[in-house]
């Protein structure tokens, strides 16, 4: 059974940075396409970024392009989300997700395409 465990988020000042990690157990991370989603209070879950297994092509939401970077370390079985220049509107619970399916890039932003989810980690951006 695949399990995803995210690192602790935290309280960050506007303009600050954070690196979230997601450790994959029960399977090799290289065999999965992985993604990050987030959900702010009172809002629907929102796609942040993903990379596809095999070719590792990446896709990200327009709202985070240039600020957030998704990456992976298959030796450590871990996916990362580097978040820079944080804004108040980035405050949310961030979720790691994985699927062993290979989707076209345009479909990788769909939450229903991912079978495995982490428990979520809170990121709060505030001064």
C-alpha atoms as a PDB file:
ATOM      1  CA  UNK A   1       0.000   0.000   0.000  1.00  0.00           C
ATOM      2  CA  UNK A   2       1.471   3.306  -1.080  1.00  0.00           C
ATOM      3  CA  UNK A   3       1.603   5.986   1.565  1.00  0.00           C
ATOM      4  CA  UNK A   4       2.579   9.629   1.226  1.00  0.00           C
ATOM      5  CA  UNK A   5       3.806  11.622   4.184  1.00  0.00           C
ATOM      6  CA  UNK A   6       4.344  15.357   3.892  1.00  0.00           C
ATOM      7  CA  UNK A   7       6.762  17.337   5.981  1.00  0.00           C
ATOM      8  CA  UNK A   8       5.504  19.973   8.362  1.00  0.00           C
ATOM      9  CA  UNK A   9       4.619  23.290   6.779  1.00  0.00           C
ATOM     10  CA  UNK A  10       4.680  26.328   8.973  1.00  0.00           C
ATOM     11  CA  UNK A  11       4.175  30.008   9.458  1.00  0.00           C
ATOM     12  CA  UNK A  12       6.108  32.114   6.967  1.00  0.00           C
ATOM     13  CA  UNK A  13       6.273  35.839   6.441  1.00  0.00           C
ATOM     14  CA  UNK A  14       5.228  37.309   3.099  1.00  0.00           C
ATOM     15  CA  UNK A  15       8.099  37.039   0.672  1.00  0.00           C
ATOM     16  CA  UNK A  16       9.539  34.081   2.523  1.00  0.00           C
ATOM     17  CA  UNK A  17      10.343  30.588   1.306  1.00  0.00           C
ATOM     18  CA  UNK A  18       9.694  27.031   2.350  1.00  0.00           C
ATOM     19  CA  UNK A  19      10.431  23.588   1.020  1.00  0.00           C
ATOM     20  CA  UNK A  20       7.751  20.956   1.429  1.00  0.00           C
ATOM     21  CA  UNK A  21       8.660  17.318   1.065  1.00  0.00           C
ATOM     22  CA  UNK A  22       6.587  14.207   0.441  1.00  0.00           C
ATOM     23  CA  UNK A  23       8.071  10.833   1.250  1.00  0.00           C
ATOM     24  CA  UNK A  24       6.701   7.857  -0.655  1.00  0.00           C
ATOM     25  CA  UNK A  25       6.572   4.478   1.069  1.00  0.00           C
ATOM     26  CA  UNK A  26       5.250   1.172  -0.193  1.00  0.00           C
ATOM     27  CA  UNK A  27       6.503   1.826  -3.690  1.00  0.00           C
ATOM     28  CA  UNK A  28       9.254   3.471  -5.691  1.00  0.00           C
ATOM     29  CA  UNK A  29       8.555   7.141  -6.310  1.00  0.00           C
ATOM     30  CA  UNK A  30      10.000   6.802  -9.799  1.00  0.00           C
ATOM     31  CA  UNK A  31       6.976   4.717 -10.723  1.00  0.00           C
ATOM     32  CA  UNK A  32       4.506   7.482 -10.006  1.00  0.00           C
ATOM     33  CA  UNK A  33       3.448  10.768 -11.427  1.00  0.00           C
ATOM     34  CA  UNK A  34       3.301  13.135  -8.495  1.00  0.00           C
ATOM     35  CA  UNK A  35       1.577  16.389  -7.786  1.00  0.00           C
ATOM     36  CA  UNK A  36       0.906  19.032  -5.195  1.00  0.00           C
ATOM     37  CA  UNK A  37      -2.526  20.482  -4.558  1.00  0.00           C
ATOM     38  CA  UNK A  38      -3.686  22.990  -1.994  1.00  0.00           C
ATOM     39  CA  UNK A  39      -6.911  23.952  -0.312  1.00  0.00           C
ATOM     40  CA  UNK A  40      -7.531  27.291   1.309  1.00  0.00           C
ATOM     41  CA  UNK A  41     -10.300  27.776   3.889  1.00  0.00           C
ATOM     42  CA  UNK A  42     -13.681  27.900   2.225  1.00  0.00           C
ATOM     43  CA  UNK A  43     -12.270  27.082  -1.201  1.00  0.00           C
ATOM     44  CA  UNK A  44     -12.036  24.006  -3.385  1.00  0.00           C
ATOM     45  CA  UNK A  45      -8.861  21.993  -3.708  1.00  0.00           C
ATOM     46  CA  UNK A  46      -6.600  23.621  -6.262  1.00  0.00           C
ATOM     47  CA  UNK A  47      -3.847  22.189  -8.439  1.00  0.00           C
ATOM     48  CA  UNK A  48      -0.374  23.574  -7.828  1.00  0.00           C
ATOM     49  CA  UNK A  49       2.189  21.550  -9.778  1.00  0.00           C
ATOM     50  CA  UNK A  50       2.966  18.063 -11.028  1.00  0.00           C
ATOM     51  CA  UNK A  51       5.508  16.001 -12.872  1.00  0.00           C
ATOM     52  CA  UNK A  52       4.818  12.973 -14.971  1.00  0.00           C
ATOM     53  CA  UNK A  53       6.562   9.659 -14.406  1.00  0.00           C
ATOM     54  CA  UNK A  54       8.869   8.459 -17.093  1.00  0.00           C
ATOM     55  CA  UNK A  55       9.718  11.688 -18.863  1.00  0.00           C
ATOM     56  CA  UNK A  56       9.433  13.887 -15.733  1.00  0.00           C
ATOM     57  CA  UNK A  57       7.727  16.628 -17.685  1.00  0.00           C
ATOM     58  CA  UNK A  58       6.343  19.276 -15.369  1.00  0.00           C
ATOM     59  CA  UNK A  59       3.242  21.387 -15.323  1.00  0.00           C
ATOM     60  CA  UNK A  60       2.217  24.087 -12.862  1.00  0.00           C
ATOM     61  CA  UNK A  61      -0.631  26.451 -12.189  1.00  0.00           C
ATOM     62  CA  UNK A  62      -0.328  29.955 -13.589  1.00  0.00           C
ATOM     63  CA  UNK A  63      -0.744  31.391 -10.095  1.00  0.00           C
ATOM     64  CA  UNK A  64       2.524  29.826  -8.921  1.00  0.00           C
ATOM     65  CA  UNK A  65       4.700  29.885 -12.032  1.00  0.00           C
ATOM     66  CA  UNK A  66       8.041  31.477 -11.342  1.00  0.00           C
ATOM     67  CA  UNK A  67       7.571  31.063  -7.579  1.00  0.00           C
ATOM     68  CA  UNK A  68       6.957  27.363  -6.943  1.00  0.00           C
ATOM     69  CA  UNK A  69       9.098  24.507  -8.230  1.00  0.00           C
ATOM     70  CA  UNK A  70       8.303  20.812  -8.069  1.00  0.00           C
ATOM     71  CA  UNK A  71      11.119  18.279  -8.053  1.00  0.00           C
ATOM     72  CA  UNK A  72      11.902  14.760  -6.971  1.00  0.00           C
ATOM     73  CA  UNK A  73      14.748  12.657  -5.613  1.00  0.00           C
ATOM     74  CA  UNK A  74      14.129   9.044  -6.514  1.00  0.00           C
ATOM     75  CA  UNK A  75      17.009   7.842  -4.362  1.00  0.00           C
ATOM     76  CA  UNK A  76      15.248   9.306  -1.330  1.00  0.00           C
ATOM     77  CA  UNK A  77      11.790   8.367  -2.671  1.00  0.00           C
ATOM     78  CA  UNK A  78      10.768  11.945  -2.088  1.00  0.00           C
ATOM     79  CA  UNK A  79       9.013  14.711  -3.994  1.00  0.00           C
ATOM     80  CA  UNK A  80       9.521  18.349  -3.130  1.00  0.00           C
ATOM     81  CA  UNK A  81       7.748  21.635  -3.580  1.00  0.00           C
ATOM     82  CA  UNK A  82       9.974  24.669  -3.233  1.00  0.00           C
ATOM     83  CA  UNK A  83       7.807  27.683  -2.543  1.00  0.00           C
ATOM     84  CA  UNK A  84       9.342  31.134  -2.858  1.00  0.00           C
ATOM     85  CA  UNK A  85       8.093  34.695  -2.578  1.00  0.00           C
ATOM     86  CA  UNK A  86       5.104  33.549  -0.585  1.00  0.00           C
ATOM     87  CA  UNK A  87       1.970  35.637  -0.528  1.00  0.00           C
ATOM     88  CA  UNK A  88      -0.950  35.716   1.868  1.00  0.00           C
ATOM     89  CA  UNK A  89      -3.098  34.030  -0.760  1.00  0.00           C
ATOM     90  CA  UNK A  90      -0.779  31.021  -0.695  1.00  0.00           C
ATOM     91  CA  UNK A  91      -2.071  30.190   2.762  1.00  0.00           C
ATOM     92  CA  UNK A  92      -3.613  26.739   2.519  1.00  0.00           C
ATOM     93  CA  UNK A  93      -3.296  23.097   3.390  1.00  0.00           C
ATOM     94  CA  UNK A  94      -0.901  21.568   0.877  1.00  0.00           C
ATOM     95  CA  UNK A  95      -1.392  17.983  -0.247  1.00  0.00           C
ATOM     96  CA  UNK A  96       0.940  15.617  -2.022  1.00  0.00           C
ATOM     97  CA  UNK A  97      -0.650  13.178  -4.472  1.00  0.00           C
ATOM     98  CA  UNK A  98       0.522  10.289  -6.625  1.00  0.00           C
ATOM     99  CA  UNK A  99      -0.730   8.111  -9.427  1.00  0.00           C
ATOM    100  CA  UNK A 100       0.806   5.287 -11.392  1.00  0.00           C
ATOM    101  CA  UNK A 101      -1.112   6.436 -14.474  1.00  0.00           C
ATOM    102  CA  UNK A 102       0.495   8.405 -17.255  1.00  0.00           C
ATOM    103  CA  UNK A 103      -1.701  11.284 -18.290  1.00  0.00           C
ATOM    104  CA  UNK A 104      -1.330  13.922 -20.908  1.00  0.00           C
ATOM    105  CA  UNK A 105       0.021  17.059 -19.307  1.00  0.00           C
ATOM    106  CA  UNK A 106      -3.301  18.857 -19.573  1.00  0.00           C
ATOM    107  CA  UNK A 107      -4.978  16.176 -17.449  1.00  0.00           C
ATOM    108  CA  UNK A 108      -2.429  16.186 -14.659  1.00  0.00           C
ATOM    109  CA  UNK A 109      -4.176  19.030 -12.858  1.00  0.00           C
ATOM    110  CA  UNK A 110      -7.253  16.926 -12.157  1.00  0.00           C
ATOM    111  CA  UNK A 111      -7.396  15.789  -8.545  1.00  0.00           C
ATOM    112  CA  UNK A 112      -9.580  12.804  -9.409  1.00  0.00           C
ATOM    113  CA  UNK A 113      -6.697  11.358 -11.400  1.00  0.00           C
ATOM    114  CA  UNK A 114      -4.624  10.634  -8.298  1.00  0.00           C
ATOM    115  CA  UNK A 115      -5.181   7.518  -6.206  1.00  0.00           C
ATOM    116  CA  UNK A 116      -2.841   8.283  -3.335  1.00  0.00           C
ATOM    117  CA  UNK A 117      -2.872  11.326  -1.086  1.00  0.00           C
ATOM    118  CA  UNK A 118      -0.902  12.600   1.853  1.00  0.00           C
ATOM    119  CA  UNK A 119      -2.517  13.889   5.002  1.00  0.00           C
ATOM    120  CA  UNK A 120      -1.866  17.518   4.159  1.00  0.00           C
ATOM    121  CA  UNK A 121       0.339  20.138   5.750  1.00  0.00           C
ATOM    122  CA  UNK A 122      -0.610  23.664   6.728  1.00  0.00           C
ATOM    123  CA  UNK A 123       1.262  26.611   5.250  1.00  0.00           C
ATOM    124  CA  UNK A 124       0.339  30.011   6.661  1.00  0.00           C
ATOM    125  CA  UNK A 125       1.717  33.201   5.188  1.00  0.00           C
ATOM    126  CA  UNK A 126       1.377  36.095   7.561  1.00  0.00           C
ATOM    127  CA  UNK A 127       3.376  38.899   9.079  1.00  0.00           C
END
